[in-house]
Amino acid sequence: MQQKQKSSPAQAQNLPLRRFPIRKAELDRFKFGKQAYYQSVGLNTEGSRLCLDIACGAKPFPEADVLCDLYVEPVPDRSMKKLETAGKPFVLCSCYALPFKDSAFEFVTSYYLIEHLTQPWIMFKELKRVSRHGYIQSPSWFNEFLYGESVHCWVVSKKRNTLCLKPLRGALSPVRFGFIFHRLYKHQTWQLLHAVLDERLHLFTVRYDF
């Protein structure tokens, strides 16, 4: 009797999603980062396969081997949530000066960090210095318009695989709806609709990989 061959993580990520009943994978914030990770690791035939998560905060990238963050204590930038390391090696450092050698990692992730920084271009150079491949995810202008975060400095967009940043102040209408949509997001139905619209229409997140 033949045994059923298990699919690889990369293959699993490419399977069509069945949205009802609601599955945990539907609301996985790391879904697209995992796809980029599996692709880059699969293409790597030699050298390090280590993954670094920068500003891991309360939700570290599941595939990361090393985590780093500037803060150990709860801070407004991560909604006062506690740092989570999941038992993995953790380095306390600034994203402007990562204490790692050039190309020390095969893959690096940065989730919802770049919009907080006063000098995001320095962080971006550091990402490319320490890793051969990487993935950045940030809120889109539409996300900023609906949810509105006072701790953000930039509106992030992407044109021809180039990240573009505009100062948040003055870039959007002063009329914001954050208090409504933050409440909506507490309900799983809206979370699912949010995830589906983002996947199909790219409404809420900007994704950049290298």
Protein backbone atom coordinates (compact mmCIF):
# COMPACT_ATOMS: atom_id res chain seq x y z
CA MET A 1 0.00 0.00 0.00
CA GLN A 2 1.41 3.36 -1.00
CA GLN A 3 1.83 6.00 1.63
CA LYS A 4 0.49 9.46 0.96
CA GLN A 5 3.37 11.86 0.45
CA LYS A 6 3.32 14.89 2.71
CA SER A 7 3.40 18.29 1.05
CA SER A 8 6.25 20.66 1.80
CA PRO A 9 5.58 23.94 3.66
CA ALA A 10 6.03 25.84 0.39
CA GLN A 11 3.47 23.65 -1.37
CA ALA A 12 1.09 23.97 1.54
CA GLN A 13 1.24 27.76 1.33
CA ASN A 14 0.16 27.67 -2.34
CA LEU A 15 -2.95 25.56 -1.77
CA PRO A 16 -6.27 27.38 -2.34
CA LEU A 17 -7.87 28.58 0.89
CA ARG A 18 -11.27 27.33 2.02
CA ARG A 19 -12.61 30.18 4.06
CA PHE A 20 -15.53 28.51 5.81
CA PRO A 21 -15.44 27.40 8.50
CA ILE A 22 -12.89 29.98 9.64
CA ARG A 23 -9.43 28.48 10.08
CA LYS A 24 -6.52 29.84 12.02
CA ALA A 25 -4.48 30.06 8.79
CA GLU A 26 -6.97 32.59 7.43
CA LEU A 27 -5.97 35.07 10.11
CA ASP A 28 -2.25 34.32 10.05
CA ARG A 29 -0.41 37.66 9.86
CA PHE A 30 2.75 35.79 8.80
CA LYS A 31 1.18 34.00 5.81
CA PHE A 32 2.92 35.99 3.08
CA GLY A 33 6.20 36.24 4.97
CA LYS A 34 6.22 32.45 5.29
CA GLN A 35 5.76 32.13 1.54
CA ALA A 36 8.77 34.38 0.91
CA TYR A 37 10.78 32.50 3.54
CA TYR A 38 10.04 29.03 2.14
CA GLN A 39 10.90 30.22 -1.36
CA SER A 40 14.24 31.76 -0.39
CA VAL A 41 15.29 28.81 1.79
CA GLY A 42 14.27 26.39 -0.94
CA LEU A 43 16.49 28.21 -3.45
CA ASN A 44 19.47 28.19 -1.08
CA THR A 45 21.72 25.20 -1.76
CA GLU A 46 24.65 26.21 0.41
CA GLY A 47 25.57 28.45 3.32
CA SER A 48 23.49 29.57 6.29
CA ARG A 49 19.73 29.08 6.43
CA LEU A 50 19.29 31.12 9.58
CA CYS A 51 16.33 33.49 9.87
CA LEU A 52 16.34 36.74 11.88
CA ASP A 53 13.23 38.57 13.10
CA ILE A 54 13.79 42.27 13.75
CA ALA A 55 11.54 43.94 16.34
CA CYS A 56 9.89 40.65 17.19
CA GLY A 57 7.72 42.27 19.88
CA ALA A 58 4.80 40.25 21.15
CA LYS A 59 4.44 38.17 17.96
CA PRO A 60 7.76 36.79 16.66
CA PHE A 61 8.03 35.30 13.18
CA PRO A 62 7.44 31.53 13.67
CA GLU A 63 10.32 30.42 11.43
CA ALA A 64 12.90 32.77 12.98
CA ASP A 65 16.02 31.29 14.58
CA VAL A 66 17.14 34.54 16.24
CA LEU A 67 14.99 37.39 17.57
CA CYS A 68 15.88 40.99 18.32
CA ASP A 69 14.12 44.07 19.66
CA LEU A 70 14.99 47.44 21.14
CA TYR A 71 12.67 47.03 24.11
CA VAL A 72 12.14 44.31 26.67
CA GLU A 73 9.43 46.11 28.62
CA PRO A 74 5.96 46.87 27.16
CA VAL A 75 5.91 50.06 25.05
CA PRO A 76 3.21 52.00 23.13
CA ASP A 77 4.75 50.98 19.79
CA ARG A 78 3.55 47.42 20.41
CA SER A 79 0.32 48.36 22.19
CA MET A 80 1.90 47.79 25.61
CA LYS A 81 2.09 44.04 25.03
CA LYS A 82 4.81 41.94 26.64
CA LEU A 83 7.85 40.77 24.70
CA GLU A 84 7.56 37.18 23.48
CA THR A 85 10.65 35.14 22.55
CA ALA A 86 9.13 31.64 22.34
CA GLY A 87 12.31 30.31 23.95
CA LYS A 88 14.49 31.39 21.02
CA PRO A 89 17.81 33.31 21.23
CA PHE A 90 17.10 37.00 21.80
CA VAL A 91 19.38 40.01 21.19
CA LEU A 92 18.62 43.44 22.65
CA CYS A 93 19.67 45.95 19.98
CA SER A 94 18.67 48.78 17.68
CA CYS A 95 17.60 48.05 14.12
CA TYR A 96 19.89 50.93 13.09
CA ALA A 97 23.00 48.98 14.17
CA LEU A 98 22.43 45.23 14.08
CA PRO A 99 25.26 43.36 15.89
CA PHE A 100 25.64 40.72 13.19
CA LYS A 101 28.18 40.06 10.46
CA ASP A 102 27.46 40.76 6.80
CA SER A 103 25.24 38.06 5.26
CA ALA A 104 25.01 36.22 8.59
CA PHE A 105 21.44 35.23 7.77
CA GLU A 106 19.66 33.77 4.79
CA PHE A 107 16.38 35.51 5.60
CA VAL A 108 15.28 38.48 7.72
CA THR A 109 11.79 39.72 8.56
CA SER A 110 10.47 43.08 9.69
CA TYR A 111 6.78 43.23 10.55
CA TYR A 112 5.13 46.59 11.19
CA LEU A 113 8.33 48.37 12.13
CA ILE A 114 9.34 50.66 9.28
CA GLU A 115 6.33 52.98 9.74
CA HIS A 116 7.47 53.68 13.35
CA LEU A 117 11.03 54.76 12.57
CA THR A 118 12.40 58.26 12.23
CA GLN A 119 15.16 57.01 9.88
CA PRO A 120 13.77 53.90 8.15
CA TRP A 121 16.38 53.98 5.38
CA ILE A 122 19.11 53.10 7.92
CA MET A 123 17.18 50.05 9.05
CA PHE A 124 16.59 49.05 5.45
CA LYS A 125 20.34 49.13 4.72
CA GLU A 126 21.00 47.01 7.80
CA LEU A 127 18.47 44.40 6.68
CA LYS A 128 20.22 44.03 3.35
CA ARG A 129 23.63 43.97 5.00
CA VAL A 130 22.98 41.11 7.41
CA SER A 131 20.79 38.94 5.18
CA ARG A 132 20.65 37.72 1.60
CA HIS A 133 16.86 37.73 1.48
CA GLY A 134 14.10 39.32 3.48
CA TYR A 135 10.50 40.35 3.86
CA ILE A 136 8.99 43.63 5.11
CA GLN A 137 5.31 44.12 5.91
CA SER A 138 3.69 47.41 6.89
CA PRO A 139 0.26 49.07 6.88
CA SER A 140 -0.98 50.55 3.62
CA TRP A 141 -2.29 54.11 3.28
CA PHE A 142 -5.83 52.70 3.41
CA ASN A 143 -5.02 50.89 6.65
CA GLU A 144 -3.64 54.12 8.09
CA PHE A 145 -6.76 55.98 6.99
CA LEU A 146 -9.17 53.49 8.60
CA TYR A 147 -7.30 52.41 11.72
CA GLY A 148 -5.02 55.41 12.34
CA GLU A 149 -2.09 54.84 14.70
CA SER A 150 -0.65 57.86 16.52
CA VAL A 151 2.72 56.10 16.93
CA HIS A 152 3.27 55.88 13.15
CA CYS A 153 5.49 58.34 11.29
CA TRP A 154 5.09 57.30 7.64
CA VAL A 155 2.59 56.26 5.01
CA VAL A 156 4.17 53.32 3.18
CA SER A 157 3.49 52.33 -0.43
CA LYS A 158 5.24 50.28 -3.09
CA LYS A 159 5.90 51.11 -6.73
CA ARG A 160 7.67 48.62 -9.00
CA ASN A 161 9.03 46.73 -6.01
CA THR A 162 10.41 49.94 -4.49
CA LEU A 163 9.25 51.07 -1.06
CA CYS A 164 8.03 54.67 -0.93
CA LEU A 165 7.52 56.56 2.33
CA LYS A 166 5.72 59.85 2.91
CA PRO A 167 5.46 61.63 6.26
CA LEU A 168 2.16 60.66 7.84
CA ARG A 169 1.45 64.19 9.04
CA GLY A 170 -0.47 65.96 6.29
CA ALA A 171 -0.53 62.91 4.00
CA LEU A 172 -4.02 61.79 5.08
CA SER A 173 -7.26 63.50 5.95
CA PRO A 174 -7.47 64.70 9.56
CA VAL A 175 -10.82 62.85 9.76
CA ARG A 176 -9.89 59.37 11.02
CA PHE A 177 -12.05 56.37 11.85
CA GLY A 178 -9.69 54.39 14.06
CA PHE A 179 -11.99 54.23 17.06
CA ILE A 180 -14.62 52.46 14.91
CA PHE A 181 -12.40 49.99 13.10
CA HIS A 182 -10.35 49.05 16.14
CA ARG A 183 -13.61 47.97 17.75
CA LEU A 184 -14.69 46.11 14.62
CA TYR A 185 -11.40 44.21 14.52
CA LYS A 186 -12.22 42.60 17.85
CA HIS A 187 -14.90 40.57 16.04
CA GLN A 188 -13.78 37.50 14.12
CA THR A 189 -16.18 38.17 11.23
CA TRP A 190 -14.50 41.51 10.51
CA GLN A 191 -11.05 39.94 10.96
CA LEU A 192 -11.91 37.37 8.28
CA LEU A 193 -13.31 40.00 5.91
CA HIS A 194 -10.19 42.10 6.53
CA ALA A 195 -7.95 39.10 5.69
CA VAL A 196 -9.86 38.22 2.50
CA LEU A 197 -9.90 41.80 1.20
CA ASP A 198 -6.20 42.16 1.95
CA GLU A 199 -5.30 38.94 0.16
CA ARG A 200 -7.40 39.66 -2.92
CA LEU A 201 -7.15 43.44 -3.22
CA HIS A 202 -4.03 44.24 -1.11
CA LEU A 203 -5.99 46.89 0.76
CA PHE A 204 -4.44 46.82 4.21
CA THR A 205 -0.79 45.82 3.94
CA VAL A 206 2.28 46.68 1.89
CA ARG A 207 4.58 43.70 1.30
CA TYR A 208 8.16 43.96 0.11
CA ASP A 209 10.66 41.16 -0.35
CA PHE A 210 14.23 41.04 -1.61
